[in-house]
Amino acid sequence: MTETNAFFAPAWPAPRAVRALVTTRRGGNSKAPYDSFNLGLHVGDDPAAVAANRALLRRHLPADPCWLEQVHGVEVARAEDGGQGTAIRADAAVARTAGAVCVVMTADCLPVLFCDDGGTVVAAAHAGWRGLVAGVLEAALAAMATPPERIMAWLGPAIGSTAFEVGAEVRDAFLAGDPGAHAAFAERDTPGKWLANLFTLARRRLARAGVSRVYGGGTCTFTGIERFYSYRHEGTTGRFASLVWLDGGKGAASNLR
């Protein structure tokens, strides 16, 4: 994993045409409690600071990202339709055109990046527990329109299994569609409370969809607030971004592979 103060590149065997990076909370302009590289305009931060942070990020990209208005749903945007200054209401994005940048923002939810073996299509999905249950990963795969055996996925930083406490209704929602998902939940001493493993749940969903090559996973935002934002840990806080795009030869982030 190659890292700078503000970014790191996912460790996955993506083809050379695929570029990806993940921001951290370091190296930006935002003041506490958003310190310092917050990219979310919807969390109460100074819009001027967010704009400055997005401008810093833009220097490492071939074009403006396709920013999304994320609602824990399953809509998939075309990254080629973004980058115009207005967020698209969706929780995933797909791109087939070089330079069109897919992005999702998180602060405990799971960011998932996708690419195909040929380096012809990429996607990014915002997968909290609601999105996972609803099928956001499957929706992103469907939008890629590529046989799942030719797709690989990377799981970014998210709240870990030692911190993500949920109620029985969350566990029941997953078990209703996949009884084997019980393996992703550990019962707490408090009746009706469970610790959930988002990474395991995502891997199960991907496996059921036919994607067997899944990388990343395990980096916890809740216990890693020196690097990442965590809504559950901090309450009022910022958002970091996970981005993926196809390189058209200009490769703005070629040093971050």
C-alpha atoms as a PDB file:
ATOM      1  CA  MET A   1       0.000   0.000   0.000  1.00  0.00           C
ATOM      2  CA  THR A   2       1.458   3.320  -1.089  1.00  0.00           C
ATOM      3  CA  GLU A   3       0.500   6.245   1.162  1.00  0.00           C
ATOM      4  CA  THR A   4       0.984   9.978   1.311  1.00  0.00           C
ATOM      5  CA  ASN A   5      -0.207  12.283   4.076  1.00  0.00           C
ATOM      6  CA  ALA A   6      -3.695  12.529   2.584  1.00  0.00           C
ATOM      7  CA  PHE A   7      -4.151   9.522   0.261  1.00  0.00           C
ATOM      8  CA  PHE A   8      -3.381   5.863  -0.161  1.00  0.00           C
ATOM      9  CA  ALA A   9      -3.777   3.455  -3.044  1.00  0.00           C
ATOM     10  CA  PRO A  10      -5.724   0.196  -2.595  1.00  0.00           C
ATOM     11  CA  ALA A  11      -3.662  -2.974  -2.647  1.00  0.00           C
ATOM     12  CA  TRP A  12      -5.317  -5.083  -5.336  1.00  0.00           C
ATOM     13  CA  PRO A  13      -4.092  -6.575  -8.633  1.00  0.00           C
ATOM     14  CA  ALA A  14      -6.074  -4.212 -10.848  1.00  0.00           C
ATOM     15  CA  PRO A  15      -4.991  -3.853 -14.483  1.00  0.00           C
ATOM     16  CA  ARG A  16      -2.751  -0.893 -15.319  1.00  0.00           C
ATOM     17  CA  ALA A  17      -5.617   1.033 -16.881  1.00  0.00           C
ATOM     18  CA  VAL A  18      -7.379   1.191 -13.503  1.00  0.00           C
ATOM     19  CA  ARG A  19      -6.517   3.917 -11.009  1.00  0.00           C
ATOM     20  CA  ALA A  20      -7.861   4.168  -7.480  1.00  0.00           C
ATOM     21  CA  LEU A  21      -7.191   6.122  -4.322  1.00  0.00           C
ATOM     22  CA  VAL A  22      -8.676   6.607  -0.875  1.00  0.00           C
ATOM     23  CA  THR A  23      -8.391   9.827   1.082  1.00  0.00           C
ATOM     24  CA  THR A  24      -7.730  10.036   4.801  1.00  0.00           C
ATOM     25  CA  ARG A  25      -8.632  12.795   7.235  1.00  0.00           C
ATOM     26  CA  ARG A  26      -5.131  14.279   6.998  1.00  0.00           C
ATOM     27  CA  GLY A  27      -3.672  17.142   5.034  1.00  0.00           C
ATOM     28  CA  GLY A  28      -6.696  19.396   4.506  1.00  0.00           C
ATOM     29  CA  ASN A  29      -8.182  22.723   5.512  1.00  0.00           C
ATOM     30  CA  SER A  30     -11.156  21.888   7.728  1.00  0.00           C
ATOM     31  CA  LYS A  31     -11.230  22.826  11.407  1.00  0.00           C
ATOM     32  CA  ALA A  32     -12.324  20.572  14.274  1.00  0.00           C
ATOM     33  CA  PRO A  33     -14.449  18.522  14.479  1.00  0.00           C
ATOM     34  CA  TYR A  34     -14.026  18.066  10.708  1.00  0.00           C
ATOM     35  CA  ASP A  35     -10.246  18.193  10.798  1.00  0.00           C
ATOM     36  CA  SER A  36      -8.834  18.242   8.381  1.00  0.00           C
ATOM     37  CA  PHE A  37      -9.519  16.737   4.926  1.00  0.00           C
ATOM     38  CA  ASN A  38     -13.305  16.560   5.030  1.00  0.00           C
ATOM     39  CA  LEU A  39     -14.892  16.177   1.587  1.00  0.00           C
ATOM     40  CA  GLY A  40     -18.548  16.167   2.631  1.00  0.00           C
ATOM     41  CA  LEU A  41     -20.666  19.270   2.015  1.00  0.00           C
ATOM     42  CA  HIS A  42     -23.628  17.868   3.971  1.00  0.00           C
ATOM     43  CA  VAL A  43     -22.092  17.514   7.437  1.00  0.00           C
ATOM     44  CA  GLY A  44     -22.003  21.126   8.645  1.00  0.00           C
ATOM     45  CA  ASP A  45     -18.429  22.007   7.735  1.00  0.00           C
ATOM     46  CA  ASP A  46     -17.459  25.393   6.285  1.00  0.00           C
ATOM     47  CA  PRO A  47     -18.259  25.104   2.552  1.00  0.00           C
ATOM     48  CA  ALA A  48     -15.129  27.092   1.711  1.00  0.00           C
ATOM     49  CA  ALA A  49     -12.965  24.553   3.548  1.00  0.00           C
ATOM     50  CA  VAL A  50     -14.681  21.661   1.769  1.00  0.00           C
ATOM     51  CA  ALA A  51     -14.197  23.390  -1.577  1.00  0.00           C
ATOM     52  CA  ALA A  52     -10.504  23.852  -0.817  1.00  0.00           C
ATOM     53  CA  ASN A  53     -10.196  20.188   0.146  1.00  0.00           C
ATOM     54  CA  ARG A  54     -11.957  19.072  -3.032  1.00  0.00           C
ATOM     55  CA  ALA A  55      -9.627  21.301  -5.041  1.00  0.00           C
ATOM     56  CA  LEU A  56      -6.633  19.578  -3.423  1.00  0.00           C
ATOM     57  CA  LEU A  57      -8.103  16.194  -4.321  1.00  0.00           C
ATOM     58  CA  ARG A  58      -8.840  17.328  -7.873  1.00  0.00           C
ATOM     59  CA  ARG A  59      -5.108  17.834  -8.489  1.00  0.00           C
ATOM     60  CA  HIS A  60      -4.700  14.034  -8.263  1.00  0.00           C
ATOM     61  CA  LEU A  61      -7.579  13.206 -10.628  1.00  0.00           C
ATOM     62  CA  PRO A  62      -8.110  13.403 -14.387  1.00  0.00           C
ATOM     63  CA  ALA A  63     -11.484  15.174 -13.976  1.00  0.00           C
ATOM     64  CA  ASP A  64     -13.981  16.287 -11.361  1.00  0.00           C
ATOM     65  CA  PRO A  65     -15.468  13.234  -9.614  1.00  0.00           C
ATOM     66  CA  CYS A  66     -19.082  12.204 -10.002  1.00  0.00           C
ATOM     67  CA  TRP A  67     -20.161  13.291  -6.510  1.00  0.00           C
ATOM     68  CA  LEU A  68     -23.216  11.467  -5.180  1.00  0.00           C
ATOM     69  CA  GLU A  69     -26.038  12.348  -2.830  1.00  0.00           C
ATOM     70  CA  GLN A  70     -25.971   9.051  -0.927  1.00  0.00           C
ATOM     71  CA  VAL A  71     -29.227   7.811   0.598  1.00  0.00           C
ATOM     72  CA  HIS A  72     -28.456   4.160   1.541  1.00  0.00           C
ATOM     73  CA  GLY A  73     -30.250   2.949  -1.576  1.00  0.00           C
ATOM     74  CA  VAL A  74     -29.354   0.942  -4.671  1.00  0.00           C
ATOM     75  CA  GLU A  75     -29.380   3.493  -7.499  1.00  0.00           C
ATOM     76  CA  VAL A  76     -26.289   3.455  -9.719  1.00  0.00           C
ATOM     77  CA  ALA A  77     -25.158   6.614 -11.503  1.00  0.00           C
ATOM     78  CA  ARG A  78     -23.079   6.876 -14.664  1.00  0.00           C
ATOM     79  CA  ALA A  79     -19.893   8.686 -13.684  1.00  0.00           C
ATOM     80  CA  GLU A  80     -19.845  10.184 -17.165  1.00  0.00           C
ATOM     81  CA  ASP A  81     -22.974  12.158 -16.189  1.00  0.00           C
ATOM     82  CA  GLY A  82     -21.318  13.711 -13.125  1.00  0.00           C
ATOM     83  CA  GLY A  83     -18.604  16.254 -12.540  1.00  0.00           C
ATOM     84  CA  GLN A  84     -20.948  19.177 -13.237  1.00  0.00           C
ATOM     85  CA  GLY A  85     -21.090  20.537  -9.690  1.00  0.00           C
ATOM     86  CA  THR A  86     -24.437  18.937  -8.758  1.00  0.00           C
ATOM     87  CA  ALA A  87     -24.479  15.662  -6.851  1.00  0.00           C
ATOM     88  CA  ILE A  88     -26.447  12.762  -8.344  1.00  0.00           C
ATOM     89  CA  ARG A  89     -28.819  10.946  -5.992  1.00  0.00           C
ATOM     90  CA  ALA A  90     -27.360   7.422  -5.944  1.00  0.00           C
ATOM     91  CA  ASP A  91     -25.238   5.089  -3.823  1.00  0.00           C
ATOM     92  CA  ALA A  92     -22.984   3.691  -6.525  1.00  0.00           C
ATOM     93  CA  ALA A  93     -21.407   4.827  -9.770  1.00  0.00           C
ATOM     94  CA  VAL A  94     -20.050   3.037 -12.820  1.00  0.00           C
ATOM     95  CA  ALA A  95     -17.695   4.281 -15.553  1.00  0.00           C
ATOM     96  CA  ARG A  96     -16.588   2.965 -18.944  1.00  0.00           C
ATOM     97  CA  THR A  97     -15.030   6.169 -20.255  1.00  0.00           C
ATOM     98  CA  ALA A  98     -11.409   7.003 -19.458  1.00  0.00           C
ATOM     99  CA  GLY A  99     -11.191   9.880 -17.020  1.00  0.00           C
ATOM    100  CA  ALA A 100     -14.719   9.583 -15.591  1.00  0.00           C
ATOM    101  CA  VAL A 101     -14.199   9.293 -11.821  1.00  0.00           C
ATOM    102  CA  CYS A 102     -16.446   7.197  -9.567  1.00  0.00           C
ATOM    103  CA  VAL A 103     -16.489   8.267  -5.907  1.00  0.00           C
ATOM    104  CA  VAL A 104     -18.270   7.369  -2.674  1.00  0.00           C
ATOM    105  CA  MET A 105     -17.908   9.102   0.682  1.00  0.00           C
ATOM    106  CA  THR A 106     -18.008   7.272   4.008  1.00  0.00           C
ATOM    107  CA  ALA A 107     -17.393   7.584   7.738  1.00  0.00           C
ATOM    108  CA  ASP A 108     -18.098   3.992   8.950  1.00  0.00           C
ATOM    109  CA  CYS A 109     -20.102   2.605   6.011  1.00  0.00           C
ATOM    110  CA  LEU A 110     -18.183   0.306   3.681  1.00  0.00           C
ATOM    111  CA  PRO A 111     -16.767   1.659   0.407  1.00  0.00           C
ATOM    112  CA  VAL A 112     -16.392  -1.021  -2.275  1.00  0.00           C
ATOM    113  CA  LEU A 113     -14.425  -0.504  -5.492  1.00  0.00           C
ATOM    114  CA  PHE A 114     -14.749  -2.729  -8.561  1.00  0.00           C
ATOM    115  CA  CYS A 115     -12.941  -3.268 -11.847  1.00  0.00           C
ATOM    116  CA  ASP A 116     -12.882  -5.877 -14.584  1.00  0.00           C
ATOM    117  CA  ASP A 117      -9.866  -7.864 -15.732  1.00  0.00           C
ATOM    118  CA  GLY A 118      -9.646  -6.004 -19.015  1.00  0.00           C
ATOM    119  CA  GLY A 119      -9.609  -2.542 -17.475  1.00  0.00           C
ATOM    120  CA  THR A 120     -12.712  -1.510 -19.418  1.00  0.00           C
ATOM    121  CA  VAL A 121     -15.187  -0.770 -16.600  1.00  0.00           C
ATOM    122  CA  VAL A 122     -14.974   0.360 -12.968  1.00  0.00           C
ATOM    123  CA  ALA A 123     -17.491   1.056 -10.220  1.00  0.00           C
ATOM    124  CA  ALA A 124     -17.722   2.300  -6.640  1.00  0.00           C
ATOM    125  CA  ALA A 125     -20.448   1.512  -4.095  1.00  0.00           C
ATOM    126  CA  HIS A 126     -21.455   2.962  -0.725  1.00  0.00           C
ATOM    127  CA  ALA A 127     -22.439  -0.035   1.386  1.00  0.00           C
ATOM    128  CA  GLY A 128     -23.735   0.523   4.878  1.00  0.00           C
ATOM    129  CA  TRP A 129     -25.851  -2.257   6.336  1.00  0.00           C
ATOM    130  CA  ARG A 130     -29.019  -0.898   4.719  1.00  0.00           C
ATOM    131  CA  GLY A 131     -27.373  -0.767   1.319  1.00  0.00           C
ATOM    132  CA  LEU A 132     -25.971  -4.258   1.688  1.00  0.00           C
ATOM    133  CA  VAL A 133     -29.381  -5.684   2.581  1.00  0.00           C
ATOM    134  CA  ALA A 134     -31.062  -3.768  -0.232  1.00  0.00           C
ATOM    135  CA  GLY A 135     -28.540  -5.025  -2.802  1.00  0.00           C
ATOM    136  CA  VAL A 136     -26.315  -2.075  -3.667  1.00  0.00           C
ATOM    137  CA  LEU A 137     -23.358  -4.338  -4.478  1.00  0.00           C
ATOM    138  CA  GLU A 138     -25.466  -6.465  -6.780  1.00  0.00           C
ATOM    139  CA  ALA A 139     -26.828  -3.300  -8.416  1.00  0.00           C
ATOM    140  CA  ALA A 140     -23.305  -2.046  -9.085  1.00  0.00           C
ATOM    141  CA  LEU A 141     -22.335  -5.403 -10.577  1.00  0.00           C
ATOM    142  CA  ALA A 142     -25.405  -5.390 -12.796  1.00  0.00           C
ATOM    143  CA  ALA A 143     -24.515  -1.897 -14.042  1.00  0.00           C
ATOM    144  CA  MET A 144     -21.026  -3.109 -14.927  1.00  0.00           C
ATOM    145  CA  ALA A 145     -22.660  -5.662 -17.286  1.00  0.00           C
ATOM    146  CA  THR A 146     -19.628  -7.938 -17.072  1.00  0.00           C
ATOM    147  CA  PRO A 147     -19.460 -11.626 -16.105  1.00  0.00           C
ATOM    148  CA  PRO A 148     -18.744 -11.712 -12.335  1.00  0.00           C
ATOM    149  CA  GLU A 149     -15.818 -14.074 -12.789  1.00  0.00           C
ATOM    150  CA  ARG A 150     -14.058 -11.246 -14.640  1.00  0.00           C
ATOM    151  CA  ILE A 151     -14.593  -8.742 -11.821  1.00  0.00           C
ATOM    152  CA  MET A 152     -12.539  -8.068  -8.715  1.00  0.00           C
ATOM    153  CA  ALA A 153     -13.543  -5.977  -5.703  1.00  0.00           C
ATOM    154  CA  TRP A 154     -11.723  -4.081  -2.984  1.00  0.00           C
ATOM    155  CA  LEU A 155     -13.216  -3.391   0.461  1.00  0.00           C
ATOM    156  CA  GLY A 156     -12.162  -0.075   1.964  1.00  0.00           C
ATOM    157  CA  PRO A 157     -12.042   1.174   5.571  1.00  0.00           C
ATOM    158  CA  ALA A 158     -15.284   0.774   7.533  1.00  0.00           C
ATOM    159  CA  ILE A 159     -16.449   0.250  11.087  1.00  0.00           C
ATOM    160  CA  GLY A 160     -15.002  -3.021  12.351  1.00  0.00           C
ATOM    161  CA  SER A 161     -16.567  -6.052  13.952  1.00  0.00           C
ATOM    162  CA  THR A 162     -15.462  -5.073  17.466  1.00  0.00           C
ATOM    163  CA  ALA A 163     -17.333  -1.758  17.290  1.00  0.00           C
ATOM    164  CA  PHE A 164     -20.394  -2.166  15.061  1.00  0.00           C
ATOM    165  CA  GLU A 165     -23.206  -2.973  17.486  1.00  0.00           C
ATOM    166  CA  VAL A 166     -26.617  -3.567  15.926  1.00  0.00           C
ATOM    167  CA  GLY A 167     -30.040  -4.692  17.031  1.00  0.00           C
ATOM    168  CA  ALA A 168     -31.704  -8.003  16.284  1.00  0.00           C
ATOM    169  CA  GLU A 169     -33.676  -6.390  13.459  1.00  0.00           C
ATOM    170  CA  VAL A 170     -30.464  -5.798  11.512  1.00  0.00           C
ATOM    171  CA  ARG A 171     -29.334  -9.380  11.958  1.00  0.00           C
ATOM    172  CA  ASP A 172     -32.796 -10.659  11.019  1.00  0.00           C
ATOM    173  CA  ALA A 173     -32.765  -8.562   7.826  1.00  0.00           C
ATOM    174  CA  PHE A 174     -29.581 -10.271   6.647  1.00  0.00           C
ATOM    175  CA  LEU A 175     -30.611 -13.763   7.727  1.00  0.00           C
ATOM    176  CA  ALA A 176     -33.910 -13.445   5.866  1.00  0.00           C
ATOM    177  CA  GLY A 177     -32.039 -13.534   2.572  1.00  0.00           C
ATOM    178  CA  ASP A 178     -29.011 -15.550   3.657  1.00  0.00           C
ATOM    179  CA  PRO A 179     -29.312 -17.834   6.705  1.00  0.00           C
ATOM    180  CA  GLY A 180     -25.554 -18.396   6.581  1.00  0.00           C
ATOM    181  CA  ALA A 181     -24.992 -14.740   7.423  1.00  0.00           C
ATOM    182  CA  HIS A 182     -25.281 -15.673  11.104  1.00  0.00           C
ATOM    183  CA  ALA A 183     -21.507 -16.173  10.949  1.00  0.00           C
ATOM    184  CA  ALA A 184     -21.093 -12.409  10.586  1.00  0.00           C
ATOM    185  CA  PHE A 185     -22.750 -11.658  13.930  1.00  0.00           C
ATOM    186  CA  ALA A 186     -21.491 -12.142  17.481  1.00  0.00           C
ATOM    187  CA  GLU A 187     -24.029 -11.957  20.301  1.00  0.00           C
ATOM    188  CA  ARG A 188     -23.386  -9.417  23.046  1.00  0.00           C
ATOM    189  CA  ASP A 189     -24.192  -9.787  26.747  1.00  0.00           C
ATOM    190  CA  THR A 190     -27.032  -7.289  26.285  1.00  0.00           C
ATOM    191  CA  PRO A 191     -30.091  -9.192  25.012  1.00  0.00           C
ATOM    192  CA  GLY A 192     -30.974  -8.354  21.430  1.00  0.00           C
ATOM    193  CA  LYS A 193     -27.624  -6.728  20.657  1.00  0.00           C
ATOM    194  CA  TRP A 194     -25.050  -8.093  18.218  1.00  0.00           C
ATOM    195  CA  LEU A 195     -21.664  -7.141  16.835  1.00  0.00           C
ATOM    196  CA  ALA A 196     -21.802  -7.194  13.031  1.00  0.00           C
ATOM    197  CA  ASN A 197     -18.947  -7.711  10.579  1.00  0.00           C
ATOM    198  CA  LEU A 198     -19.615  -5.556   7.505  1.00  0.00           C
ATOM    199  CA  PHE A 199     -16.600  -7.008   5.700  1.00  0.00           C
ATOM    200  CA  THR A 200     -17.867 -10.580   6.100  1.00  0.00           C
ATOM    201  CA  LEU A 201     -21.373  -9.574   5.064  1.00  0.00           C
ATOM    202  CA  ALA A 202     -20.045  -7.866   1.930  1.00  0.00           C
ATOM    203  CA  ARG A 203     -17.859 -10.843   1.037  1.00  0.00           C
ATOM    204  CA  ARG A 204     -20.880 -13.137   1.357  1.00  0.00           C
ATOM    205  CA  ARG A 205     -22.984 -10.908  -0.895  1.00  0.00           C
ATOM    206  CA  LEU A 206     -20.213 -10.739  -3.474  1.00  0.00           C
ATOM    207  CA  ALA A 207     -19.619 -14.492  -3.382  1.00  0.00           C
ATOM    208  CA  ARG A 208     -23.323 -15.153  -3.898  1.00  0.00           C
ATOM    209  CA  ALA A 209     -23.179 -12.785  -6.882  1.00  0.00           C
ATOM    210  CA  GLY A 210     -20.260 -14.734  -8.361  1.00  0.00           C
ATOM    211  CA  VAL A 211     -17.359 -12.425  -7.416  1.00  0.00           C
ATOM    212  CA  SER A 212     -14.680 -14.575  -5.792  1.00  0.00           C
ATOM    213  CA  ARG A 213     -11.719 -12.182  -5.927  1.00  0.00           C
ATOM    214  CA  VAL A 214     -12.183  -9.733  -3.071  1.00  0.00           C
ATOM    215  CA  TYR A 215      -9.308  -7.762  -1.587  1.00  0.00           C
ATOM    216  CA  GLY A 216      -8.938  -5.365   1.324  1.00  0.00           C
ATOM    217  CA  GLY A 217     -11.241  -5.422   4.309  1.00  0.00           C
ATOM    218  CA  GLY A 218     -10.454  -5.247   8.005  1.00  0.00           C
ATOM    219  CA  THR A 219      -9.380  -1.595   8.351  1.00  0.00           C
ATOM    220  CA  CYS A 220     -11.596  -0.169  11.094  1.00  0.00           C
ATOM    221  CA  THR A 221     -12.660   3.467  11.026  1.00  0.00           C
ATOM    222  CA  PHE A 222     -13.983   3.429  14.611  1.00  0.00           C
ATOM    223  CA  THR A 223     -10.624   2.444  16.103  1.00  0.00           C
ATOM    224  CA  GLY A 224      -8.654   4.380  13.482  1.00  0.00           C
ATOM    225  CA  ILE A 225      -9.909   7.941  13.916  1.00  0.00           C
ATOM    226  CA  GLU A 226      -6.379   9.282  13.664  1.00  0.00           C
ATOM    227  CA  ARG A 227      -6.604   8.371   9.941  1.00  0.00           C
ATOM    228  CA  PHE A 228     -10.296   8.141   9.121  1.00  0.00           C
ATOM    229  CA  TYR A 229     -13.614   9.686  10.079  1.00  0.00           C
ATOM    230  CA  SER A 230     -16.031   7.622  12.183  1.00  0.00           C
ATOM    231  CA  TYR A 231     -19.595   8.798  12.655  1.00  0.00           C
ATOM    232  CA  ARG A 232     -20.270   6.305  15.438  1.00  0.00           C
ATOM    233  CA  HIS A 233     -17.148   7.296  17.326  1.00  0.00           C
ATOM    234  CA  GLU A 234     -17.311  11.056  16.806  1.00  0.00           C
ATOM    235  CA  GLY A 235     -20.906  12.000  15.994  1.00  0.00           C
ATOM    236  CA  THR A 236     -20.311  15.283  14.189  1.00  0.00           C
ATOM    237  CA  THR A 237     -17.456  14.570  11.821  1.00  0.00           C
ATOM    238  CA  GLY A 238     -16.305  14.645   8.201  1.00  0.00           C
ATOM    239  CA  ARG A 239     -16.268  12.185   5.314  1.00  0.00           C
ATOM    240  CA  PHE A 240     -13.399  10.591   3.404  1.00  0.00           C
ATOM    241  CA  ALA A 241     -13.609   9.395  -0.178  1.00  0.00           C
ATOM    242  CA  SER A 242     -12.847   6.230  -2.139  1.00  0.00           C
ATOM    243  CA  LEU A 243     -12.366   6.783  -5.872  1.00  0.00           C
ATOM    244  CA  VAL A 244     -11.745   4.676  -8.971  1.00  0.00           C
ATOM    245  CA  TRP A 245     -11.403   5.531 -12.669  1.00  0.00           C
ATOM    246  CA  LEU A 246      -9.958   4.363 -15.960  1.00  0.00           C
ATOM    247  CA  ASP A 247      -6.682   5.949 -16.995  1.00  0.00           C
ATOM    248  CA  GLY A 248      -6.727   7.492 -20.432  1.00  0.00           C
ATOM    249  CA  GLY A 249      -2.971   7.909 -20.468  1.00  0.00           C
ATOM    250  CA  LYS A 250      -2.837  11.085 -18.412  1.00  0.00           C
ATOM    251  CA  GLY A 251      -2.853   9.146 -15.115  1.00  0.00           C
ATOM    252  CA  ALA A 252      -2.947  11.973 -12.595  1.00  0.00           C
ATOM    253  CA  ALA A 253      -2.390   9.609  -9.683  1.00  0.00           C
ATOM    254  CA  SER A 254       0.069   7.269 -11.407  1.00  0.00           C
ATOM    255  CA  ASN A 255       2.391   7.588  -8.400  1.00  0.00           C
ATOM    256  CA  LEU A 256      -0.321   6.090  -6.208  1.00  0.00           C
ATOM    257  CA  ARG A 257      -0.642   2.543  -7.467  1.00  0.00           C
END
